[in-house]
Amino acid sequence: METQRILMRSLAVVVFASVIWTITAGAGEKVRTCCEVVSNAKFTDPIIGFRLQNKSLPCLKAVVFETVRGEFCLDWRPRWVKEEVKKLLKSSKKQSLTSTPPPASSISKLTPVGGSSQSTDRS
């Protein structure tokens, strides 16, 4: 009987410590979802920034454009997406020397990060 009581107390301590560790380990970390679906649609929202996402299932290889409305997943292969990335890279290099704002983009139908899209490209 004493052994059961010790085991139950030990189990309670382990569970309590695990909960505390999980809560404190996640504090201050920014959680990012990945692009499981990408879009090829152009849009007109100004792009604030971007990031590249490598393929690591379930995440697809994608360019994630950041706008005031949020982040949007785009197929990395279309020419216009590559041109936008080049513009943003050139702009960021210029910004380090001067303070010019990033160029506006030209896109209309978007795939929000973690959202759905017309395209289901899984490459």
PDB file of N, CA and C in Angstrom:
ATOM      1  N   MET A   1       0.800  -1.179   0.000  1.00  0.00           N
ATOM      2  CA  MET A   1       0.000   0.000   0.000  1.00  0.00           C
ATOM      3  C   MET A   1       0.857   1.263   0.000  1.00  0.00           C
ATOM      4  N   GLU A   2       1.900   1.242   0.795  1.00  0.00           N
ATOM      5  CA  GLU A   2       2.825   2.383   0.860  1.00  0.00           C
ATOM      6  C   GLU A   2       3.493   2.604  -0.494  1.00  0.00           C
ATOM      7  N   THR A   3       3.837   1.539  -1.177  1.00  0.00           N
ATOM      8  CA  THR A   3       4.468   1.643  -2.497  1.00  0.00           C
ATOM      9  C   THR A   3       3.534   2.320  -3.496  1.00  0.00           C
ATOM     10  N   GLN A   4       2.254   1.985  -3.447  1.00  0.00           N
ATOM     11  CA  GLN A   4       1.290   2.614  -4.354  1.00  0.00           C
ATOM     12  C   GLN A   4       1.179   4.114  -4.088  1.00  0.00           C
ATOM     13  N   ARG A   5       1.183   4.490  -2.812  1.00  0.00           N
ATOM     14  CA  ARG A   5       1.088   5.906  -2.457  1.00  0.00           C
ATOM     15  C   ARG A   5       2.318   6.661  -2.966  1.00  0.00           C
ATOM     16  N   ILE A   6       3.480   6.084  -2.826  1.00  0.00           N
ATOM     17  CA  ILE A   6       4.721   6.719  -3.299  1.00  0.00           C
ATOM     18  C   ILE A   6       4.689   6.846  -4.824  1.00  0.00           C
ATOM     19  N   LEU A   7       4.236   5.789  -5.509  1.00  0.00           N
ATOM     20  CA  LEU A   7       4.144   5.844  -6.973  1.00  0.00           C
ATOM     21  C   LEU A   7       3.166   6.923  -7.434  1.00  0.00           C
ATOM     22  N   MET A   8       2.018   7.034  -6.776  1.00  0.00           N
ATOM     23  CA  MET A   8       1.032   8.047  -7.147  1.00  0.00           C
ATOM     24  C   MET A   8       1.561   9.454  -6.916  1.00  0.00           C
ATOM     25  N   ARG A   9       2.256   9.672  -5.803  1.00  0.00           N
ATOM     26  CA  ARG A   9       2.852  10.985  -5.543  1.00  0.00           C
ATOM     27  C   ARG A   9       3.922  11.297  -6.595  1.00  0.00           C
ATOM     28  N   SER A  10       4.724  10.312  -6.909  1.00  0.00           N
ATOM     29  CA  SER A  10       5.776  10.511  -7.917  1.00  0.00           C
ATOM     30  C   SER A  10       5.156  10.850  -9.271  1.00  0.00           C
ATOM     31  N   LEU A  11       4.103  10.131  -9.622  1.00  0.00           N
ATOM     32  CA  LEU A  11       3.413  10.392 -10.876  1.00  0.00           C
ATOM     33  C   LEU A  11       2.833  11.806 -10.899  1.00  0.00           C
ATOM     34  N   ALA A  12       2.251  12.233  -9.797  1.00  0.00           N
ATOM     35  CA  ALA A  12       1.689  13.582  -9.702  1.00  0.00           C
ATOM     36  C   ALA A  12       2.777  14.642  -9.871  1.00  0.00           C
ATOM     37  N   VAL A  13       3.921  14.418  -9.256  1.00  0.00           N
ATOM     38  CA  VAL A  13       5.036  15.360  -9.379  1.00  0.00           C
ATOM     39  C   VAL A  13       5.521  15.418 -10.825  1.00  0.00           C
ATOM     40  N   VAL A  14       5.639  14.286 -11.481  1.00  0.00           N
ATOM     41  CA  VAL A  14       6.094  14.245 -12.876  1.00  0.00           C
ATOM     42  C   VAL A  14       5.106  14.976 -13.786  1.00  0.00           C
ATOM     43  N   VAL A  15       3.807  14.731 -13.601  1.00  0.00           N
ATOM     44  CA  VAL A  15       2.795  15.399 -14.415  1.00  0.00           C
ATOM     45  C   VAL A  15       2.845  16.907 -14.180  1.00  0.00           C
ATOM     46  N   PHE A  16       2.912  17.322 -12.924  1.00  0.00           N
ATOM     47  CA  PHE A  16       2.976  18.745 -12.593  1.00  0.00           C
ATOM     48  C   PHE A  16       4.213  19.394 -13.216  1.00  0.00           C
ATOM     49  N   ALA A  17       5.361  18.747 -13.088  1.00  0.00           N
ATOM     50  CA  ALA A  17       6.604  19.285 -13.658  1.00  0.00           C
ATOM     51  C   ALA A  17       6.516  19.363 -15.181  1.00  0.00           C
ATOM     52  N   SER A  18       5.898  18.367 -15.811  1.00  0.00           N
ATOM     53  CA  SER A  18       5.745  18.372 -17.266  1.00  0.00           C
ATOM     54  C   SER A  18       4.880  19.533 -17.728  1.00  0.00           C
ATOM     55  N   VAL A  19       3.796  19.791 -17.018  1.00  0.00           N
ATOM     56  CA  VAL A  19       2.913  20.906 -17.368  1.00  0.00           C
ATOM     57  C   VAL A  19       3.662  22.231 -17.221  1.00  0.00           C
ATOM     58  N   ILE A  20       4.342  22.421 -16.131  1.00  0.00           N
ATOM     59  CA  ILE A  20       5.104  23.651 -15.913  1.00  0.00           C
ATOM     60  C   ILE A  20       6.174  23.808 -16.986  1.00  0.00           C
ATOM     61  N   TRP A  21       6.886  22.768 -17.304  1.00  0.00           N
ATOM     62  CA  TRP A  21       7.948  22.816 -18.311  1.00  0.00           C
ATOM     63  C   TRP A  21       7.377  23.167 -19.683  1.00  0.00           C
ATOM     64  N   THR A  22       6.235  22.578 -20.032  1.00  0.00           N
ATOM     65  CA  THR A  22       5.599  22.854 -21.319  1.00  0.00           C
ATOM     66  C   THR A  22       5.156  24.307 -21.410  1.00  0.00           C
ATOM     67  N   ILE A  23       4.581  24.825 -20.357  1.00  0.00           N
ATOM     68  CA  ILE A  23       4.104  26.209 -20.349  1.00  0.00           C
ATOM     69  C   ILE A  23       5.275  27.179 -20.451  1.00  0.00           C
ATOM     70  N   THR A  24       6.309  26.975 -19.673  1.00  0.00           N
ATOM     71  CA  THR A  24       7.432  27.913 -19.672  1.00  0.00           C
ATOM     72  C   THR A  24       8.297  27.768 -20.910  1.00  0.00           C
ATOM     73  N   ALA A  25       8.409  26.586 -21.483  1.00  0.00           N
ATOM     74  CA  ALA A  25       9.221  26.398 -22.684  1.00  0.00           C
ATOM     75  C   ALA A  25       8.602  27.107 -23.867  1.00  0.00           C
ATOM     76  N   GLY A  26       7.283  27.193 -23.936  1.00  0.00           N
ATOM     77  CA  GLY A  26       6.607  27.837 -25.053  1.00  0.00           C
ATOM     78  C   GLY A  26       6.466  29.342 -24.886  1.00  0.00           C
ATOM     79  N   ALA A  27       6.722  29.865 -23.717  1.00  0.00           N
ATOM     80  CA  ALA A  27       6.548  31.294 -23.481  1.00  0.00           C
ATOM     81  C   ALA A  27       7.554  32.085 -24.300  1.00  0.00           C
ATOM     82  N   GLY A  28       7.067  33.084 -25.027  1.00  0.00           N
ATOM     83  CA  GLY A  28       7.935  33.947 -25.808  1.00  0.00           C
ATOM     84  C   GLY A  28       8.290  33.398 -27.175  1.00  0.00           C
ATOM     85  N   GLU A  29       7.979  32.157 -27.463  1.00  0.00           N
ATOM     86  CA  GLU A  29       8.265  31.591 -28.777  1.00  0.00           C
ATOM     87  C   GLU A  29       7.137  31.924 -29.726  1.00  0.00           C
ATOM     88  N   LYS A  30       7.477  32.350 -30.939  1.00  0.00           N
ATOM     89  CA  LYS A  30       6.465  32.645 -31.932  1.00  0.00           C
ATOM     90  C   LYS A  30       6.159  31.367 -32.699  1.00  0.00           C
ATOM     91  N   VAL A  31       4.897  30.974 -32.697  1.00  0.00           N
ATOM     92  CA  VAL A  31       4.496  29.767 -33.389  1.00  0.00           C
ATOM     93  C   VAL A  31       4.176  30.122 -34.837  1.00  0.00           C
ATOM     94  N   ARG A  32       4.776  29.425 -35.771  1.00  0.00           N
ATOM     95  CA  ARG A  32       4.518  29.643 -37.191  1.00  0.00           C
ATOM     96  C   ARG A  32       3.934  28.388 -37.778  1.00  0.00           C
ATOM     97  N   THR A  33       2.879  28.594 -38.531  1.00  0.00           N
ATOM     98  CA  THR A  33       2.346  27.463 -39.266  1.00  0.00           C
ATOM     99  C   THR A  33       3.054  27.407 -40.604  1.00  0.00           C
ATOM    100  N   CYS A  34       2.951  26.299 -41.267  1.00  0.00           N
ATOM    101  CA  CYS A  34       3.617  26.166 -42.557  1.00  0.00           C
ATOM    102  C   CYS A  34       2.592  26.090 -43.677  1.00  0.00           C
ATOM    103  N   CYS A  35       3.075  26.263 -44.900  1.00  0.00           N
ATOM    104  CA  CYS A  35       2.212  26.223 -46.079  1.00  0.00           C
ATOM    105  C   CYS A  35       2.033  24.778 -46.520  1.00  0.00           C
ATOM    106  N   GLU A  36       0.817  24.285 -46.398  1.00  0.00           N
ATOM    107  CA  GLU A  36       0.488  22.952 -46.883  1.00  0.00           C
ATOM    108  C   GLU A  36      -0.181  23.026 -48.247  1.00  0.00           C
ATOM    109  N   VAL A  37      -0.621  24.235 -48.622  1.00  0.00           N
ATOM    110  CA  VAL A  37      -1.261  24.496 -49.909  1.00  0.00           C
ATOM    111  C   VAL A  37      -0.716  25.832 -50.398  1.00  0.00           C
ATOM    112  N   VAL A  38      -0.432  25.930 -51.711  1.00  0.00           N
ATOM    113  CA  VAL A  38       0.075  27.180 -52.271  1.00  0.00           C
ATOM    114  C   VAL A  38      -0.831  27.680 -53.385  1.00  0.00           C
ATOM    115  N   SER A  39      -0.692  28.968 -53.706  1.00  0.00           N
ATOM    116  CA  SER A  39      -1.493  29.589 -54.748  1.00  0.00           C
ATOM    117  C   SER A  39      -0.575  30.163 -55.816  1.00  0.00           C
ATOM    118  N   ASN A  40      -1.097  30.305 -57.032  1.00  0.00           N
ATOM    119  CA  ASN A  40      -0.367  30.961 -58.121  1.00  0.00           C
ATOM    120  C   ASN A  40      -0.972  32.322 -58.434  1.00  0.00           C
ATOM    121  N   ALA A  41      -2.052  32.697 -57.752  1.00  0.00           N
ATOM    122  CA  ALA A  41      -2.799  33.909 -58.068  1.00  0.00           C
ATOM    123  C   ALA A  41      -2.001  35.164 -57.728  1.00  0.00           C
ATOM    124  N   LYS A  42      -2.093  36.168 -58.606  1.00  0.00           N
ATOM    125  CA  LYS A  42      -1.436  37.456 -58.354  1.00  0.00           C
ATOM    126  C   LYS A  42      -2.313  38.288 -57.437  1.00  0.00           C
ATOM    127  N   PHE A  43      -1.685  39.230 -56.717  1.00  0.00           N
ATOM    128  CA  PHE A  43      -2.456  40.136 -55.867  1.00  0.00           C
ATOM    129  C   PHE A  43      -1.843  41.527 -55.886  1.00  0.00           C
ATOM    130  N   THR A  44      -2.568  42.516 -55.344  1.00  0.00           N
ATOM    131  CA  THR A  44      -2.121  43.911 -55.402  1.00  0.00           C
ATOM    132  C   THR A  44      -1.748  44.470 -54.035  1.00  0.00           C
ATOM    133  N   ASP A  45      -1.856  43.679 -52.999  1.00  0.00           N
ATOM    134  CA  ASP A  45      -1.483  44.150 -51.664  1.00  0.00           C
ATOM    135  C   ASP A  45       0.007  44.470 -51.609  1.00  0.00           C
ATOM    136  N   PRO A  46       0.375  45.546 -50.910  1.00  0.00           N
ATOM    137  CA  PRO A  46       1.809  45.816 -50.714  1.00  0.00           C
ATOM    138  C   PRO A  46       2.442  44.710 -49.877  1.00  0.00           C
ATOM    139  N   ILE A  47       3.604  44.286 -50.296  1.00  0.00           N
ATOM    140  CA  ILE A  47       4.319  43.232 -49.570  1.00  0.00           C
ATOM    141  C   ILE A  47       5.258  43.899 -48.572  1.00  0.00           C
ATOM    142  N   ILE A  48       5.107  43.524 -47.315  1.00  0.00           N
ATOM    143  CA  ILE A  48       5.934  44.075 -46.245  1.00  0.00           C
ATOM    144  C   ILE A  48       7.235  43.287 -46.130  1.00  0.00           C
ATOM    145  N   GLY A  49       7.152  41.993 -46.355  1.00  0.00           N
ATOM    146  CA  GLY A  49       8.314  41.124 -46.241  1.00  0.00           C
ATOM    147  C   GLY A  49       8.007  39.764 -46.820  1.00  0.00           C
ATOM    148  N   PHE A  50       8.975  38.887 -46.765  1.00  0.00           N
ATOM    149  CA  PHE A  50       8.770  37.536 -47.272  1.00  0.00           C
ATOM    150  C   PHE A  50       9.725  36.592 -46.567  1.00  0.00           C
ATOM    151  N   ARG A  51       9.417  35.313 -46.693  1.00  0.00           N
ATOM    152  CA  ARG A  51      10.333  34.262 -46.240  1.00  0.00           C
ATOM    153  C   ARG A  51      10.185  33.086 -47.177  1.00  0.00           C
ATOM    154  N   LEU A  52      11.220  32.296 -47.253  1.00  0.00           N
ATOM    155  CA  LEU A  52      11.198  31.096 -48.089  1.00  0.00           C
ATOM    156  C   LEU A  52      10.976  29.898 -47.182  1.00  0.00           C
ATOM    157  N   GLN A  53      10.141  28.987 -47.639  1.00  0.00           N
ATOM    158  CA  GLN A  53       9.852  27.781 -46.868  1.00  0.00           C
ATOM    159  C   GLN A  53      10.326  26.575 -47.662  1.00  0.00           C
ATOM    160  N   ASN A  54      11.150  25.753 -47.047  1.00  0.00           N
ATOM    161  CA  ASN A  54      11.615  24.527 -47.688  1.00  0.00           C
ATOM    162  C   ASN A  54      10.584  23.418 -47.517  1.00  0.00           C
ATOM    163  N   LYS A  55      10.654  22.436 -48.396  1.00  0.00           N
ATOM    164  CA  LYS A  55       9.735  21.308 -48.314  1.00  0.00           C
ATOM    165  C   LYS A  55      10.146  20.392 -47.161  1.00  0.00           C
ATOM    166  N   SER A  56       9.204  20.143 -46.295  1.00  0.00           N
ATOM    167  CA  SER A  56       9.375  19.224 -45.182  1.00  0.00           C
ATOM    168  C   SER A  56       7.961  18.797 -44.799  1.00  0.00           C
ATOM    169  N   LEU A  57       7.526  17.668 -45.352  1.00  0.00           N
ATOM    170  CA  LEU A  57       6.133  17.256 -45.230  1.00  0.00           C
ATOM    171  C   LEU A  57       5.612  17.416 -43.813  1.00  0.00           C
ATOM    172  N   PRO A  58       4.441  17.992 -43.664  1.00  0.00           N
ATOM    173  CA  PRO A  58       3.436  18.288 -44.670  1.00  0.00           C
ATOM    174  C   PRO A  58       3.635  19.638 -45.360  1.00  0.00           C
ATOM    175  N   CYS A  59       4.686  20.364 -45.008  1.00  0.00           N
ATOM    176  CA  CYS A  59       4.926  21.692 -45.577  1.00  0.00           C
ATOM    177  C   CYS A  59       5.489  21.583 -46.992  1.00  0.00           C
ATOM    178  N   LEU A  60       5.022  22.479 -47.870  1.00  0.00           N
ATOM    179  CA  LEU A  60       5.489  22.516 -49.256  1.00  0.00           C
ATOM    180  C   LEU A  60       6.568  23.567 -49.431  1.00  0.00           C
ATOM    181  N   LYS A  61       7.353  23.446 -50.487  1.00  0.00           N
ATOM    182  CA  LYS A  61       8.294  24.500 -50.844  1.00  0.00           C
ATOM    183  C   LYS A  61       7.456  25.682 -51.308  1.00  0.00           C
ATOM    184  N   ALA A  62       7.682  26.869 -50.703  1.00  0.00           N
ATOM    185  CA  ALA A  62       6.835  28.015 -50.999  1.00  0.00           C
ATOM    186  C   ALA A  62       7.557  29.319 -50.694  1.00  0.00           C
ATOM    187  N   VAL A  63       7.014  30.394 -51.257  1.00  0.00           N
ATOM    188  CA  VAL A  63       7.398  31.740 -50.879  1.00  0.00           C
ATOM    189  C   VAL A  63       6.232  32.269 -50.053  1.00  0.00           C
ATOM    190  N   VAL A  64       6.526  32.779 -48.882  1.00  0.00           N
ATOM    191  CA  VAL A  64       5.481  33.307 -48.008  1.00  0.00           C
ATOM    192  C   VAL A  64       5.632  34.826 -47.991  1.00  0.00           C
ATOM    193  N   PHE A  65       4.675  35.513 -48.633  1.00  0.00           N
ATOM    194  CA  PHE A  65       4.690  36.966 -48.656  1.00  0.00           C
ATOM    195  C   PHE A  65       3.921  37.476 -47.440  1.00  0.00           C
ATOM    196  N   GLU A  66       4.495  38.472 -46.759  1.00  0.00           N
ATOM    197  CA  GLU A  66       3.839  39.088 -45.614  1.00  0.00           C
ATOM    198  C   GLU A  66       3.226  40.410 -46.066  1.00  0.00           C
ATOM    199  N   THR A  67       1.925  40.587 -45.809  1.00  0.00           N
ATOM    200  CA  THR A  67       1.222  41.826 -46.122  1.00  0.00           C
ATOM    201  C   THR A  67       0.549  42.324 -44.847  1.00  0.00           C
ATOM    202  N   VAL A  68      -0.107  43.473 -44.923  1.00  0.00           N
ATOM    203  CA  VAL A  68      -0.817  43.970 -43.746  1.00  0.00           C
ATOM    204  C   VAL A  68      -1.968  43.044 -43.373  1.00  0.00           C
ATOM    205  N   ARG A  69      -2.479  42.272 -44.328  1.00  0.00           N
ATOM    206  CA  ARG A  69      -3.570  41.322 -44.058  1.00  0.00           C
ATOM    207  C   ARG A  69      -3.064  39.987 -43.519  1.00  0.00           C
ATOM    208  N   GLY A  70      -1.773  39.763 -43.505  1.00  0.00           N
ATOM    209  CA  GLY A  70      -1.228  38.509 -43.001  1.00  0.00           C
ATOM    210  C   GLY A  70      -0.225  37.908 -43.967  1.00  0.00           C
ATOM    211  N   GLU A  71       0.132  36.651 -43.713  1.00  0.00           N
ATOM    212  CA  GLU A  71       1.082  35.930 -44.560  1.00  0.00           C
ATOM    213  C   GLU A  71       0.317  35.058 -45.551  1.00  0.00           C
ATOM    214  N   PHE A  72       0.860  34.968 -46.794  1.00  0.00           N
ATOM    215  CA  PHE A  72       0.206  34.209 -47.841  1.00  0.00           C
ATOM    216  C   PHE A  72       1.200  33.297 -48.537  1.00  0.00           C
ATOM    217  N   CYS A  73       0.780  32.072 -48.776  1.00  0.00           N
ATOM    218  CA  CYS A  73       1.617  31.032 -49.371  1.00  0.00           C
ATOM    219  C   CYS A  73       1.488  31.059 -50.890  1.00  0.00           C
ATOM    220  N   LEU A  74       2.627  31.149 -51.556  1.00  0.00           N
ATOM    221  CA  LEU A  74       2.624  31.168 -53.014  1.00  0.00           C
ATOM    222  C   LEU A  74       3.598  30.143 -53.555  1.00  0.00           C
ATOM    223  N   ASP A  75       3.231  29.586 -54.700  1.00  0.00           N
ATOM    224  CA  ASP A  75       4.115  28.666 -55.408  1.00  0.00           C
ATOM    225  C   ASP A  75       5.381  29.425 -55.757  1.00  0.00           C
ATOM    226  N   TRP A  76       6.523  28.847 -55.546  1.00  0.00           N
ATOM    227  CA  TRP A  76       7.798  29.520 -55.784  1.00  0.00           C
ATOM    228  C   TRP A  76       8.198  29.548 -57.253  1.00  0.00           C
ATOM    229  N   ARG A  77       7.533  28.755 -58.124  1.00  0.00           N
ATOM    230  CA  ARG A  77       7.977  28.601 -59.506  1.00  0.00           C
ATOM    231  C   ARG A  77       7.547  29.689 -60.492  1.00  0.00           C
ATOM    232  N   PRO A  78       6.391  30.340 -60.351  1.00  0.00           N
ATOM    233  CA  PRO A  78       6.003  31.339 -61.354  1.00  0.00           C
ATOM    234  C   PRO A  78       7.014  32.487 -61.439  1.00  0.00           C
ATOM    235  N   ARG A  79       7.200  32.977 -62.645  1.00  0.00           N
ATOM    236  CA  ARG A  79       8.167  34.043 -62.892  1.00  0.00           C
ATOM    237  C   ARG A  79       7.867  35.276 -62.040  1.00  0.00           C
ATOM    238  N   TRP A  80       6.579  35.652 -61.946  1.00  0.00           N
ATOM    239  CA  TRP A  80       6.243  36.877 -61.221  1.00  0.00           C
ATOM    240  C   TRP A  80       6.592  36.777 -59.741  1.00  0.00           C
ATOM    241  N   VAL A  81       6.509  35.571 -59.159  1.00  0.00           N
ATOM    242  CA  VAL A  81       6.873  35.394 -57.754  1.00  0.00           C
ATOM    243  C   VAL A  81       8.384  35.582 -57.591  1.00  0.00           C
ATOM    244  N   LYS A  82       9.146  34.996 -58.506  1.00  0.00           N
ATOM    245  CA  LYS A  82      10.604  35.153 -58.451  1.00  0.00           C
ATOM    246  C   LYS A  82      11.006  36.609 -58.638  1.00  0.00           C
ATOM    247  N   GLU A  83      10.301  37.326 -59.522  1.00  0.00           N
ATOM    248  CA  GLU A  83      10.600  38.740 -59.743  1.00  0.00           C
ATOM    249  C   GLU A  83      10.286  39.578 -58.502  1.00  0.00           C
ATOM    250  N   GLU A  84       9.186  39.264 -57.825  1.00  0.00           N
ATOM    251  CA  GLU A  84       8.846  39.979 -56.594  1.00  0.00           C
ATOM    252  C   GLU A  84       9.908  39.751 -55.522  1.00  0.00           C
ATOM    253  N   VAL A  85      10.381  38.513 -55.408  1.00  0.00           N
ATOM    254  CA  VAL A  85      11.422  38.210 -54.424  1.00  0.00           C
ATOM    255  C   VAL A  85      12.691  38.999 -54.756  1.00  0.00           C
ATOM    256  N   LYS A  86      13.066  39.037 -56.047  1.00  0.00           N
ATOM    257  CA  LYS A  86      14.256  39.810 -56.453  1.00  0.00           C
ATOM    258  C   LYS A  86      14.086  41.286 -56.110  1.00  0.00           C
ATOM    259  N   LYS A  87      12.879  41.839 -56.379  1.00  0.00           N
ATOM    260  CA  LYS A  87      12.619  43.244 -56.055  1.00  0.00           C
ATOM    261  C   LYS A  87      12.776  43.490 -54.557  1.00  0.00           C
ATOM    262  N   LEU A  88      12.222  42.588 -53.766  1.00  0.00           N
ATOM    263  CA  LEU A  88      12.306  42.747 -52.317  1.00  0.00           C
ATOM    264  C   LEU A  88      13.748  42.638 -51.819  1.00  0.00           C
ATOM    265  N   LEU A  89      14.514  41.734 -52.419  1.00  0.00           N
ATOM    266  CA  LEU A  89      15.919  41.608 -52.026  1.00  0.00           C
ATOM    267  C   LEU A  89      16.697  42.864 -52.404  1.00  0.00           C
ATOM    268  N   LYS A  90      16.463  43.387 -53.617  1.00  0.00           N
ATOM    269  CA  LYS A  90      17.129  44.625 -54.036  1.00  0.00           C
ATOM    270  C   LYS A  90      16.722  45.772 -53.123  1.00  0.00           C
ATOM    271  N   SER A  91      15.434  45.840 -52.805  1.00  0.00           N
ATOM    272  CA  SER A  91      14.917  46.900 -51.943  1.00  0.00           C
ATOM    273  C   SER A  91      15.555  46.829 -50.557  1.00  0.00           C
ATOM    274  N   SER A  92      15.711  45.622 -50.031  1.00  0.00           N
ATOM    275  CA  SER A  92      16.297  45.486 -48.693  1.00  0.00           C
ATOM    276  C   SER A  92      17.767  45.894 -48.705  1.00  0.00           C
ATOM    277  N   LYS A  93      18.464  45.634 -49.805  1.00  0.00           N
ATOM    278  CA  LYS A  93      19.859  46.073 -49.912  1.00  0.00           C
ATOM    279  C   LYS A  93      19.930  47.593 -49.980  1.00  0.00           C
ATOM    280  N   LYS A  94      19.005  48.203 -50.754  1.00  0.00           N
ATOM    281  CA  LYS A  94      18.953  49.656 -50.846  1.00  0.00           C
ATOM    282  C   LYS A  94      18.571  50.266 -49.506  1.00  0.00           C
ATOM    283  N   GLN A  95      17.655  49.615 -48.775  1.00  0.00           N
ATOM    284  CA  GLN A  95      17.218  50.137 -47.491  1.00  0.00           C
ATOM    285  C   GLN A  95      18.349  50.155 -46.480  1.00  0.00           C
ATOM    286  N   SER A  96      19.262  49.221 -46.605  1.00  0.00           N
ATOM    287  CA  SER A  96      20.381  49.226 -45.671  1.00  0.00           C
ATOM    288  C   SER A  96      21.277  50.435 -45.921  1.00  0.00           C
ATOM    289  N   LEU A  97      21.268  50.973 -47.168  1.00  0.00           N
ATOM    290  CA  LEU A  97      22.029  52.173 -47.495  1.00  0.00           C
ATOM    291  C   LEU A  97      21.186  53.435 -47.370  1.00  0.00           C
ATOM    292  N   THR A  98      19.911  53.360 -47.772  1.00  0.00           N
ATOM    293  CA  THR A  98      18.972  54.479 -47.676  1.00  0.00           C
ATOM    294  C   THR A  98      17.708  53.988 -46.993  1.00  0.00           C
ATOM    295  N   SER A  99      16.735  54.842 -46.824  1.00  0.00           N
ATOM    296  CA  SER A  99      15.498  54.418 -46.163  1.00  0.00           C
ATOM    297  C   SER A  99      14.318  54.500 -47.128  1.00  0.00           C
ATOM    298  N   THR A 100      14.345  53.703 -48.192  1.00  0.00           N
ATOM    299  CA  THR A 100      13.233  53.661 -49.137  1.00  0.00           C
ATOM    300  C   THR A 100      12.280  52.537 -48.759  1.00  0.00           C
ATOM    301  N   PRO A 101      10.960  52.729 -48.929  1.00  0.00           N
ATOM    302  CA  PRO A 101      10.012  51.669 -48.587  1.00  0.00           C
ATOM    303  C   PRO A 101      10.059  50.537 -49.601  1.00  0.00           C
ATOM    304  N   PRO A 102       9.649  49.328 -49.218  1.00  0.00           N
ATOM    305  CA  PRO A 102       9.642  48.200 -50.147  1.00  0.00           C
ATOM    306  C   PRO A 102       8.618  48.426 -51.252  1.00  0.00           C
ATOM    307  N   PRO A 103       8.845  47.848 -52.432  1.00  0.00           N
ATOM    308  CA  PRO A 103       7.918  48.040 -53.543  1.00  0.00           C
ATOM    309  C   PRO A 103       6.588  47.339 -53.297  1.00  0.00           C
ATOM    310  N   ALA A 104       5.549  47.870 -53.930  1.00  0.00           N
ATOM    311  CA  ALA A 104       4.236  47.219 -53.857  1.00  0.00           C
ATOM    312  C   ALA A 104       4.228  46.045 -54.815  1.00  0.00           C
ATOM    313  N   SER A 105       3.353  45.098 -54.558  1.00  0.00           N
ATOM    314  CA  SER A 105       3.273  43.927 -55.410  1.00  0.00           C
ATOM    315  C   SER A 105       1.993  43.950 -56.212  1.00  0.00           C
ATOM    316  N   SER A 106       1.751  42.885 -56.947  1.00  0.00           N
ATOM    317  CA  SER A 106       0.537  42.798 -57.760  1.00  0.00           C
ATOM    318  C   SER A 106      -0.081  41.411 -57.658  1.00  0.00           C
ATOM    319  N   ILE A 107      -0.917  41.180 -56.606  1.00  0.00           N
ATOM    320  CA  ILE A 107      -1.546  39.878 -56.394  1.00  0.00           C
ATOM    321  C   ILE A 107      -3.006  40.081 -55.988  1.00  0.00           C
ATOM    322  N   SER A 108      -3.941  39.185 -56.365  1.00  0.00           N
ATOM    323  CA  SER A 108      -5.348  39.375 -56.012  1.00  0.00           C
ATOM    324  C   SER A 108      -5.948  38.254 -55.173  1.00  0.00           C
ATOM    325  N   LYS A 109      -5.792  36.995 -55.550  1.00  0.00           N
ATOM    326  CA  LYS A 109      -6.333  35.885 -54.761  1.00  0.00           C
ATOM    327  C   LYS A 109      -5.182  35.250 -54.000  1.00  0.00           C
ATOM    328  N   LEU A 110      -5.326  35.158 -52.678  1.00  0.00           N
ATOM    329  CA  LEU A 110      -4.224  34.739 -51.832  1.00  0.00           C
ATOM    330  C   LEU A 110      -4.528  33.452 -51.097  1.00  0.00           C
ATOM    331  N   THR A 111      -3.468  32.814 -50.671  1.00  0.00           N
ATOM    332  CA  THR A 111      -3.591  31.660 -49.804  1.00  0.00           C
ATOM    333  C   THR A 111      -2.960  32.035 -48.478  1.00  0.00           C
ATOM    334  N   PRO A 112      -3.771  32.300 -47.451  1.00  0.00           N
ATOM    335  CA  PRO A 112      -3.201  32.616 -46.151  1.00  0.00           C
ATOM    336  C   PRO A 112      -2.431  31.417 -45.606  1.00  0.00           C
ATOM    337  N   VAL A 113      -1.423  31.695 -44.802  1.00  0.00           N
ATOM    338  CA  VAL A 113      -0.680  30.620 -44.173  1.00  0.00           C
ATOM    339  C   VAL A 113      -1.652  29.825 -43.330  1.00  0.00           C
ATOM    340  N   GLY A 114      -1.675  28.527 -43.535  1.00  0.00           N
ATOM    341  CA  GLY A 114      -2.597  27.662 -42.819  1.00  0.00           C
ATOM    342  C   GLY A 114      -3.982  27.654 -43.427  1.00  0.00           C
ATOM    343  N   GLY A 115      -4.180  28.345 -44.565  1.00  0.00           N
ATOM    344  CA  GLY A 115      -5.495  28.414 -45.199  1.00  0.00           C
ATOM    345  C   GLY A 115      -5.590  27.494 -46.390  1.00  0.00           C
ATOM    346  N   SER A 116      -6.678  27.635 -47.142  1.00  0.00           N
ATOM    347  CA  SER A 116      -6.866  26.784 -48.310  1.00  0.00           C
ATOM    348  C   SER A 116      -6.681  27.603 -49.571  1.00  0.00           C
ATOM    349  N   SER A 117      -6.618  26.939 -50.707  1.00  0.00           N
ATOM    350  CA  SER A 117      -6.382  27.604 -51.978  1.00  0.00           C
ATOM    351  C   SER A 117      -6.996  26.820 -53.106  1.00  0.00           C
ATOM    352  N   GLN A 118      -6.999  27.459 -54.295  1.00  0.00           N
ATOM    353  CA  GLN A 118      -7.478  26.746 -55.474  1.00  0.00           C
ATOM    354  C   GLN A 118      -6.457  25.682 -55.886  1.00  0.00           C
ATOM    355  N   SER A 119      -5.205  25.962 -55.703  1.00  0.00           N
ATOM    356  CA  SER A 119      -4.137  25.054 -56.121  1.00  0.00           C
ATOM    357  C   SER A 119      -3.810  24.094 -55.000  1.00  0.00           C
ATOM    358  N   THR A 120      -3.574  22.851 -55.331  1.00  0.00           N
ATOM    359  CA  THR A 120      -3.172  21.877 -54.319  1.00  0.00           C
ATOM    360  C   THR A 120      -1.862  21.231 -54.713  1.00  0.00           C
ATOM    361  N   ASP A 121      -0.943  22.031 -55.189  1.00  0.00           N
ATOM    362  CA  ASP A 121       0.361  21.555 -55.620  1.00  0.00           C
ATOM    363  C   ASP A 121       1.099  20.959 -54.428  1.00  0.00           C
ATOM    364  N   ARG A 122       1.533  19.767 -54.508  1.00  0.00           N
ATOM    365  CA  ARG A 122       2.238  19.093 -53.418  1.00  0.00           C
ATOM    366  C   ARG A 122       3.687  18.794 -53.780  1.00  0.00           C
ATOM    367  N   SER A 123       4.366  19.681 -54.525  1.00  0.00           N
ATOM    368  CA  SER A 123       5.741  19.400 -54.921  1.00  0.00           C
ATOM    369  C   SER A 123       6.738  19.826 -53.913  1.00  0.00           C
TER     370      SER A 123
END
